[in-house]
PDB file of N, CA and C in Angstrom:
ATOM      1  N   MET A   1      10.015  28.334  -5.531  1.00  0.00           N
ATOM      2  CA  MET A   1      11.334  27.970  -5.006  1.00  0.00           C
ATOM      3  C   MET A   1      11.659  27.267  -5.849  1.00  0.00           C
ATOM      4  N   GLY A   2      13.159  26.951  -6.847  1.00  0.00           N
ATOM      5  CA  GLY A   2      13.553  25.945  -7.705  1.00  0.00           C
ATOM      6  C   GLY A   2      14.234  24.860  -6.820  1.00  0.00           C
ATOM      7  N   MET A   3      14.095  23.352  -7.656  1.00  0.00           N
ATOM      8  CA  MET A   3      14.466  22.169  -6.864  1.00  0.00           C
ATOM      9  C   MET A   3      15.931  22.043  -7.557  1.00  0.00           C
ATOM     10  N   ALA A   4      16.949  21.875  -7.440  1.00  0.00           N
ATOM     11  CA  ALA A   4      17.887  22.525  -7.431  1.00  0.00           C
ATOM     12  C   ALA A   4      18.359  20.079  -8.671  1.00  0.00           C
ATOM     13  N   VAL A   5      18.929  20.198  -9.400  1.00  0.00           N
ATOM     14  CA  VAL A   5      19.624  19.176  -9.951  1.00  0.00           C
ATOM     15  C   VAL A   5      20.931  18.258  -9.703  1.00  0.00           C
ATOM     16  N   VAL A   6      20.217  17.347  -9.181  1.00  0.00           N
ATOM     17  CA  VAL A   6      21.961  17.144  -8.654  1.00  0.00           C
ATOM     18  C   VAL A   6      22.438  15.832  -9.775  1.00  0.00           C
ATOM     19  N   ALA A   7      23.662  15.740 -10.429  1.00  0.00           N
ATOM     20  CA  ALA A   7      24.165  14.544 -10.675  1.00  0.00           C
ATOM     21  C   ALA A   7      24.437  13.708 -10.320  1.00  0.00           C
ATOM     22  N   LEU A   8      24.498  12.103 -10.466  1.00  0.00           N
ATOM     23  CA  LEU A   8      24.735  11.626  -9.357  1.00  0.00           C
ATOM     24  C   LEU A   8      25.777  10.901 -10.257  1.00  0.00           C
ATOM     25  N   THR A   9      27.080  10.331  -9.787  1.00  0.00           N
ATOM     26  CA  THR A   9      27.979   9.064 -10.451  1.00  0.00           C
ATOM     27  C   THR A   9      27.092   7.850 -10.410  1.00  0.00           C
ATOM     28  N   ASP A  10      27.841   6.404 -10.830  1.00  0.00           N
ATOM     29  CA  ASP A  10      27.191   5.749 -10.768  1.00  0.00           C
ATOM     30  C   ASP A  10      27.608   4.711  -9.224  1.00  0.00           C
ATOM     31  N   ASP A  11      28.690   5.479  -8.743  1.00  0.00           N
ATOM     32  CA  ASP A  11      29.204   4.979  -7.217  1.00  0.00           C
ATOM     33  C   ASP A  11      28.212   5.656  -6.974  1.00  0.00           C
ATOM     34  N   GLN A  12      27.711   6.685  -6.126  1.00  0.00           N
ATOM     35  CA  GLN A  12      26.988   7.555  -5.648  1.00  0.00           C
ATOM     36  C   GLN A  12      25.379   6.671  -6.017  1.00  0.00           C
ATOM     37  N   VAL A  13      25.255   6.059  -6.826  1.00  0.00           N
ATOM     38  CA  VAL A  13      24.082   5.262  -7.702  1.00  0.00           C
ATOM     39  C   VAL A  13      24.146   4.492  -6.639  1.00  0.00           C
ATOM     40  N   LYS A  14      24.780   3.345  -6.775  1.00  0.00           N
ATOM     41  CA  LYS A  14      25.211   2.202  -5.908  1.00  0.00           C
ATOM     42  C   LYS A  14      25.242   2.826  -4.560  1.00  0.00           C
ATOM     43  N   ARG A  15      25.958   3.535  -4.276  1.00  0.00           N
ATOM     44  CA  ARG A  15      26.044   3.842  -2.680  1.00  0.00           C
ATOM     45  C   ARG A  15      24.639   4.192  -1.457  1.00  0.00           C
ATOM     46  N   VAL A  16      23.670   5.050  -2.761  1.00  0.00           N
ATOM     47  CA  VAL A  16      22.785   5.535  -2.026  1.00  0.00           C
ATOM     48  C   VAL A  16      21.092   4.281  -1.946  1.00  0.00           C
ATOM     49  N   ARG A  17      21.510   3.173  -3.031  1.00  0.00           N
ATOM     50  CA  ARG A  17      20.492   2.396  -3.812  1.00  0.00           C
ATOM     51  C   ARG A  17      21.187   0.848  -2.471  1.00  0.00           C
ATOM     52  N   ALA A  18      22.425   1.125  -2.219  1.00  0.00           N
ATOM     53  CA  ALA A  18      22.789   0.013  -0.623  1.00  0.00           C
ATOM     54  C   ALA A  18      22.041   0.458   0.168  1.00  0.00           C
ATOM     55  N   MET A  19      22.591   2.116   0.327  1.00  0.00           N
ATOM     56  CA  MET A  19      21.513   2.069   1.583  1.00  0.00           C
ATOM     57  C   MET A  19      20.486   1.998   1.294  1.00  0.00           C
ATOM     58  N   LYS A  20      19.662   2.637   0.953  1.00  0.00           N
ATOM     59  CA  LYS A  20      18.042   2.141   0.814  1.00  0.00           C
ATOM     60  C   LYS A  20      17.918   0.689   1.154  1.00  0.00           C
ATOM     61  N   HIS A  21      18.875   0.009   0.258  1.00  0.00           N
ATOM     62  CA  HIS A  21      18.195  -1.823   0.669  1.00  0.00           C
ATOM     63  C   HIS A  21      18.459  -1.595   1.974  1.00  0.00           C
ATOM     64  N   HIS A  22      19.680  -1.239   2.618  1.00  0.00           N
ATOM     65  CA  HIS A  22      19.506  -1.616   4.471  1.00  0.00           C
ATOM     66  C   HIS A  22      18.692  -1.487   4.774  1.00  0.00           C
ATOM     67  N   GLU A  23      18.073   0.291   5.151  1.00  0.00           N
ATOM     68  CA  GLU A  23      17.416   0.635   5.863  1.00  0.00           C
ATOM     69  C   GLU A  23      16.484  -0.394   5.553  1.00  0.00           C
ATOM     70  N   LEU A  24      16.044  -0.752   4.466  1.00  0.00           N
ATOM     71  CA  LEU A  24      15.090  -1.570   4.250  1.00  0.00           C
ATOM     72  C   LEU A  24      14.961  -3.269   5.044  1.00  0.00           C
ATOM     73  N   VAL A  25      15.869  -3.363   5.143  1.00  0.00           N
ATOM     74  CA  VAL A  25      16.208  -5.010   5.593  1.00  0.00           C
ATOM     75  C   VAL A  25      16.358  -4.516   7.245  1.00  0.00           C
ATOM     76  N   ALA A  26      16.524  -3.556   6.966  1.00  0.00           N
ATOM     77  CA  ALA A  26      16.267  -3.799   8.859  1.00  0.00           C
ATOM     78  C   ALA A  26      15.353  -3.093   9.279  1.00  0.00           C
ATOM     79  N   SER A  27      14.621  -2.628   8.563  1.00  0.00           N
ATOM     80  CA  SER A  27      13.040  -2.106   8.692  1.00  0.00           C
ATOM     81  C   SER A  27      12.580  -3.400   8.912  1.00  0.00           C
ATOM     82  N   ALA A  28      12.452  -4.833   7.741  1.00  0.00           N
ATOM     83  CA  ALA A  28      11.954  -6.022   7.370  1.00  0.00           C
ATOM     84  C   ALA A  28      12.223  -6.033   8.831  1.00  0.00           C
ATOM     85  N   GLU A  29      13.741  -6.701   9.673  1.00  0.00           N
ATOM     86  CA  GLU A  29      14.294  -6.919  10.526  1.00  0.00           C
ATOM     87  C   GLU A  29      13.446  -6.638  12.450  1.00  0.00           C
ATOM     88  N   THR A  30      13.534  -5.652  11.626  1.00  0.00           N
ATOM     89  CA  THR A  30      12.413  -4.943  12.745  1.00  0.00           C
ATOM     90  C   THR A  30      10.662  -5.109  13.469  1.00  0.00           C
ATOM     91  N   GLN A  31      10.494  -5.116  12.052  1.00  0.00           N
ATOM     92  CA  GLN A  31       9.248  -5.766  11.803  1.00  0.00           C
ATOM     93  C   GLN A  31       9.214  -7.403  12.396  1.00  0.00           C
ATOM     94  N   ASP A  32      10.013  -8.094  11.589  1.00  0.00           N
ATOM     95  CA  ASP A  32      10.266  -9.326  11.923  1.00  0.00           C
ATOM     96  C   ASP A  32      10.695  -9.829  13.554  1.00  0.00           C
ATOM     97  N   LEU A  33      11.406  -9.035  13.870  1.00  0.00           N
ATOM     98  CA  LEU A  33      11.499  -9.050  15.427  1.00  0.00           C
ATOM     99  C   LEU A  33       9.737  -8.364  16.599  1.00  0.00           C
ATOM    100  N   ALA A  34       9.388  -7.455  16.200  1.00  0.00           N
ATOM    101  CA  ALA A  34       8.554  -7.229  16.813  1.00  0.00           C
ATOM    102  C   ALA A  34       7.117  -8.336  16.584  1.00  0.00           C
ATOM    103  N   VAL A  35       6.896  -8.850  15.712  1.00  0.00           N
ATOM    104  CA  VAL A  35       6.305  -9.717  15.745  1.00  0.00           C
ATOM    105  C   VAL A  35       6.902 -11.047  16.554  1.00  0.00           C
ATOM    106  N   VAL A  36       8.344 -11.372  16.481  1.00  0.00           N
ATOM    107  CA  VAL A  36       7.990 -12.300  17.718  1.00  0.00           C
ATOM    108  C   VAL A  36       8.169 -12.259  19.459  1.00  0.00           C
ATOM    109  N   VAL A  37       8.357 -10.976  19.297  1.00  0.00           N
ATOM    110  CA  VAL A  37       8.146 -10.142  21.045  1.00  0.00           C
ATOM    111  C   VAL A  37       6.944 -10.671  20.710  1.00  0.00           C
ATOM    112  N   GLU A  38       5.526  -9.543  20.140  1.00  0.00           N
ATOM    113  CA  GLU A  38       4.135 -10.013  20.340  1.00  0.00           C
ATOM    114  C   GLU A  38       4.023 -11.443  20.707  1.00  0.00           C
ATOM    115  N   ALA A  39       4.659 -11.779  19.909  1.00  0.00           N
ATOM    116  CA  ALA A  39       4.064 -13.932  20.005  1.00  0.00           C
ATOM    117  C   ALA A  39       4.629 -14.058  20.863  1.00  0.00           C
ATOM    118  N   SER A  40       5.953 -14.089  21.713  1.00  0.00           N
ATOM    119  CA  SER A  40       6.312 -14.167  22.970  1.00  0.00           C
ATOM    120  C   SER A  40       5.674 -13.510  23.925  1.00  0.00           C
ATOM    121  N   LEU A  41       5.090 -12.407  23.742  1.00  0.00           N
ATOM    122  CA  LEU A  41       4.204 -12.412  25.192  1.00  0.00           C
ATOM    123  C   LEU A  41       2.811 -13.051  25.153  1.00  0.00           C
ATOM    124  N   ARG A  42       2.211 -13.172  24.113  1.00  0.00           N
ATOM    125  CA  ARG A  42       1.035 -13.792  23.833  1.00  0.00           C
ATOM    126  C   ARG A  42       1.321 -14.979  24.136  1.00  0.00           C
ATOM    127  N   LEU A  43       2.257 -15.623  24.411  1.00  0.00           N
ATOM    128  CA  LEU A  43       2.500 -16.997  24.757  1.00  0.00           C
ATOM    129  C   LEU A  43       2.911 -17.356  26.014  1.00  0.00           C
ATOM    130  N   HIS A  44       3.604 -15.601  26.886  1.00  0.00           N
ATOM    131  CA  HIS A  44       4.060 -15.996  28.020  1.00  0.00           C
ATOM    132  C   HIS A  44       1.920 -16.014  29.175  1.00  0.00           C
ATOM    133  N   ARG A  45       1.536 -14.958  28.547  1.00  0.00           N
ATOM    134  CA  ARG A  45       0.493 -14.354  28.725  1.00  0.00           C
ATOM    135  C   ARG A  45      -0.773 -16.123  29.445  1.00  0.00           C
ATOM    136  N   ALA A  46       0.083 -16.753  28.161  1.00  0.00           N
ATOM    137  CA  ALA A  46      -1.235 -18.407  27.965  1.00  0.00           C
ATOM    138  C   ALA A  46      -0.237 -19.130  28.783  1.00  0.00           C
ATOM    139  N   THR A  47       0.689 -19.080  29.331  1.00  0.00           N
ATOM    140  CA  THR A  47       1.255 -19.766  29.933  1.00  0.00           C
ATOM    141  C   THR A  47       0.908 -19.203  31.636  1.00  0.00           C
ATOM    142  N   VAL A  48       0.742 -17.575  31.878  1.00  0.00           N
ATOM    143  CA  VAL A  48       1.058 -17.467  32.998  1.00  0.00           C
ATOM    144  C   VAL A  48      -0.974 -18.462  33.803  1.00  0.00           C
ATOM    145  N   PHE A  49      -2.046 -17.697  32.781  1.00  0.00           N
ATOM    146  CA  PHE A  49      -2.959 -18.094  32.829  1.00  0.00           C
ATOM    147  C   PHE A  49      -2.986 -19.560  33.293  1.00  0.00           C
ATOM    148  N   LEU A  50      -2.107 -20.539  32.371  1.00  0.00           N
ATOM    149  CA  LEU A  50      -2.658 -21.787  32.651  1.00  0.00           C
ATOM    150  C   LEU A  50      -2.193 -22.114  33.903  1.00  0.00           C
ATOM    151  N   ASN A  51      -1.145 -22.052  34.322  1.00  0.00           N
ATOM    152  CA  ASN A  51      -0.861 -21.916  35.962  1.00  0.00           C
ATOM    153  C   ASN A  51      -2.048 -21.370  36.280  1.00  0.00           C
ATOM    154  N   VAL A  52      -1.910 -20.178  36.228  1.00  0.00           N
ATOM    155  CA  VAL A  52      -3.120 -19.915  37.799  1.00  0.00           C
ATOM    156  C   VAL A  52      -4.372 -20.890  37.219  1.00  0.00           C
ATOM    157  N   ILE A  53      -5.210 -21.230  36.421  1.00  0.00           N
ATOM    158  CA  ILE A  53      -5.809 -22.409  36.205  1.00  0.00           C
ATOM    159  C   ILE A  53      -5.030 -24.154  36.742  1.00  0.00           C
ATOM    160  N   LEU A  54      -4.377 -24.677  36.914  1.00  0.00           N
ATOM    161  CA  LEU A  54      -3.607 -25.338  37.262  1.00  0.00           C
ATOM    162  C   LEU A  54      -3.179 -25.430  38.476  1.00  0.00           C
ATOM    163  N   THR A  55      -2.721 -24.182  38.920  1.00  0.00           N
ATOM    164  CA  THR A  55      -2.594 -23.868  40.802  1.00  0.00           C
ATOM    165  C   THR A  55      -4.399 -24.163  41.629  1.00  0.00           C
ATOM    166  N   ALA A  56      -5.033 -23.544  40.962  1.00  0.00           N
ATOM    167  CA  ALA A  56      -6.491 -23.472  41.319  1.00  0.00           C
ATOM    168  C   ALA A  56      -7.205 -24.812  41.798  1.00  0.00           C
ATOM    169  N   LEU A  57      -7.079 -25.532  40.380  1.00  0.00           N
ATOM    170  CA  LEU A  57      -7.419 -26.570  40.516  1.00  0.00           C
ATOM    171  C   LEU A  57      -6.827 -27.635  41.183  1.00  0.00           C
ATOM    172  N   THR A  58      -5.083 -27.079  41.433  1.00  0.00           N
ATOM    173  CA  THR A  58      -4.779 -28.053  42.529  1.00  0.00           C
ATOM    174  C   THR A  58      -5.429 -27.638  44.392  1.00  0.00           C
ATOM    175  N   ILE A  59      -5.543 -26.842  44.957  1.00  0.00           N
ATOM    176  CA  ILE A  59      -6.583 -26.136  45.482  1.00  0.00           C
ATOM    177  C   ILE A  59      -6.940 -26.598  45.880  1.00  0.00           C
ATOM    178  N   VAL A  60      -7.969 -26.876  44.816  1.00  0.00           N
ATOM    179  CA  VAL A  60      -9.692 -27.431  44.874  1.00  0.00           C
ATOM    180  C   VAL A  60      -9.334 -28.901  45.256  1.00  0.00           C
ATOM    181  N   LEU A  61      -8.398 -29.589  44.175  1.00  0.00           N
ATOM    182  CA  LEU A  61      -8.372 -30.976  44.780  1.00  0.00           C
ATOM    183  C   LEU A  61      -8.043 -31.295  46.532  1.00  0.00           C
ATOM    184  N   ILE A  62      -7.054 -30.682  46.529  1.00  0.00           N
ATOM    185  CA  ILE A  62      -6.940 -30.629  47.979  1.00  0.00           C
ATOM    186  C   ILE A  62      -7.485 -30.572  48.967  1.00  0.00           C
ATOM    187  N   LEU A  63      -8.712 -29.653  48.617  1.00  0.00           N
ATOM    188  CA  LEU A  63      -9.680 -29.019  49.820  1.00  0.00           C
ATOM    189  C   LEU A  63     -10.429 -30.254  49.595  1.00  0.00           C
ATOM    190  N   LEU A  64     -11.032 -30.867  48.335  1.00  0.00           N
ATOM    191  CA  LEU A  64     -12.084 -31.996  48.264  1.00  0.00           C
ATOM    192  C   LEU A  64     -11.325 -33.084  48.836  1.00  0.00           C
ATOM    193  N   THR A  65     -10.081 -33.443  48.427  1.00  0.00           N
ATOM    194  CA  THR A  65      -9.197 -34.491  49.402  1.00  0.00           C
ATOM    195  C   THR A  65      -9.573 -34.323  50.942  1.00  0.00           C
ATOM    196  N   ALA A  66      -9.350 -33.641  51.671  1.00  0.00           N
ATOM    197  CA  ALA A  66      -8.792 -32.730  53.001  1.00  0.00           C
ATOM    198  C   ALA A  66     -10.886 -32.865  53.156  1.00  0.00           C
ATOM    199  N   ALA A  67     -11.845 -32.800  52.752  1.00  0.00           N
ATOM    200  CA  ALA A  67     -12.690 -32.868  53.136  1.00  0.00           C
ATOM    201  C   ALA A  67     -13.781 -34.214  52.999  1.00  0.00           C
ATOM    202  N   LEU A  68     -13.400 -35.060  52.274  1.00  0.00           N
ATOM    203  CA  LEU A  68     -13.717 -36.590  52.382  1.00  0.00           C
ATOM    204  C   LEU A  68     -13.065 -37.162  53.321  1.00  0.00           C
ATOM    205  N   VAL A  69     -11.861 -36.601  53.601  1.00  0.00           N
ATOM    206  CA  VAL A  69     -10.703 -37.732  54.961  1.00  0.00           C
ATOM    207  C   VAL A  69     -11.924 -36.961  56.094  1.00  0.00           C
ATOM    208  N   TYR A  70     -12.491 -35.650  56.232  1.00  0.00           N
ATOM    209  CA  TYR A  70     -13.166 -34.965  57.624  1.00  0.00           C
ATOM    210  C   TYR A  70     -13.997 -35.537  57.543  1.00  0.00           C
ATOM    211  N   THR A  71     -14.918 -36.201  56.632  1.00  0.00           N
ATOM    212  CA  THR A  71     -16.470 -36.764  56.868  1.00  0.00           C
ATOM    213  C   THR A  71     -16.068 -38.198  56.615  1.00  0.00           C
ATOM    214  N   ALA A  72     -14.714 -39.512  56.237  1.00  0.00           N
ATOM    215  CA  ALA A  72     -15.027 -40.144  56.139  1.00  0.00           C
ATOM    216  C   ALA A  72     -14.529 -40.532  58.220  1.00  0.00           C
ATOM    217  N   GLU A  73     -13.860 -39.573  58.368  1.00  0.00           N
ATOM    218  CA  GLU A  73     -13.147 -39.955  59.659  1.00  0.00           C
ATOM    219  C   GLU A  73     -14.402 -39.753  60.647  1.00  0.00           C
ATOM    220  N   PHE A  74     -15.232 -38.682  60.325  1.00  0.00           N
ATOM    221  CA  PHE A  74     -16.758 -39.349  61.650  1.00  0.00           C
ATOM    222  C   PHE A  74     -17.515 -39.992  60.556  1.00  0.00           C
ATOM    223  N   SER A  75     -17.860 -40.778  60.141  1.00  0.00           N
ATOM    224  CA  SER A  75     -18.789 -41.571  59.852  1.00  0.00           C
ATOM    225  C   SER A  75     -18.567 -42.536  60.053  1.00  0.00           C
ATOM    226  N   VAL A  76     -19.865 -42.789  60.424  1.00  0.00           N
ATOM    227  CA  VAL A  76     -20.065 -44.077  61.109  1.00  0.00           C
ATOM    228  C   VAL A  76     -21.231 -45.307  60.720  1.00  0.00           C
ATOM    229  N   PRO A  77     -19.798 -46.329  60.527  1.00  0.00           N
ATOM    230  CA  PRO A  77     -20.433 -48.126  59.510  1.00  0.00           C
ATOM    231  C   PRO A  77     -21.499 -48.107  60.379  1.00  0.00           C
ATOM    232  N   SER A  78     -22.751 -49.083  59.335  1.00  0.00           N
ATOM    233  CA  SER A  78     -23.819 -49.071  59.885  1.00  0.00           C
ATOM    234  C   SER A  78     -23.483 -50.885  59.466  1.00  0.00           C
TER     235      SER A  78
END
């Protein structure tokens, strides 16, 4: 099969270059957006993880305080 040779005018060449440039910019913007979304998801996961840890520490502190109050009520002074 033979390949057809097409002669493009200067205007057509400029249009093709502009379209390619637009595609490259759009591709770069899409990649940048993907990076931002990935970083945002990582930050969200870290925030959720820290919230879980802080909640667990709060529960532990409440239980320790309750245990100290409970033992202090029944302690006999000497």
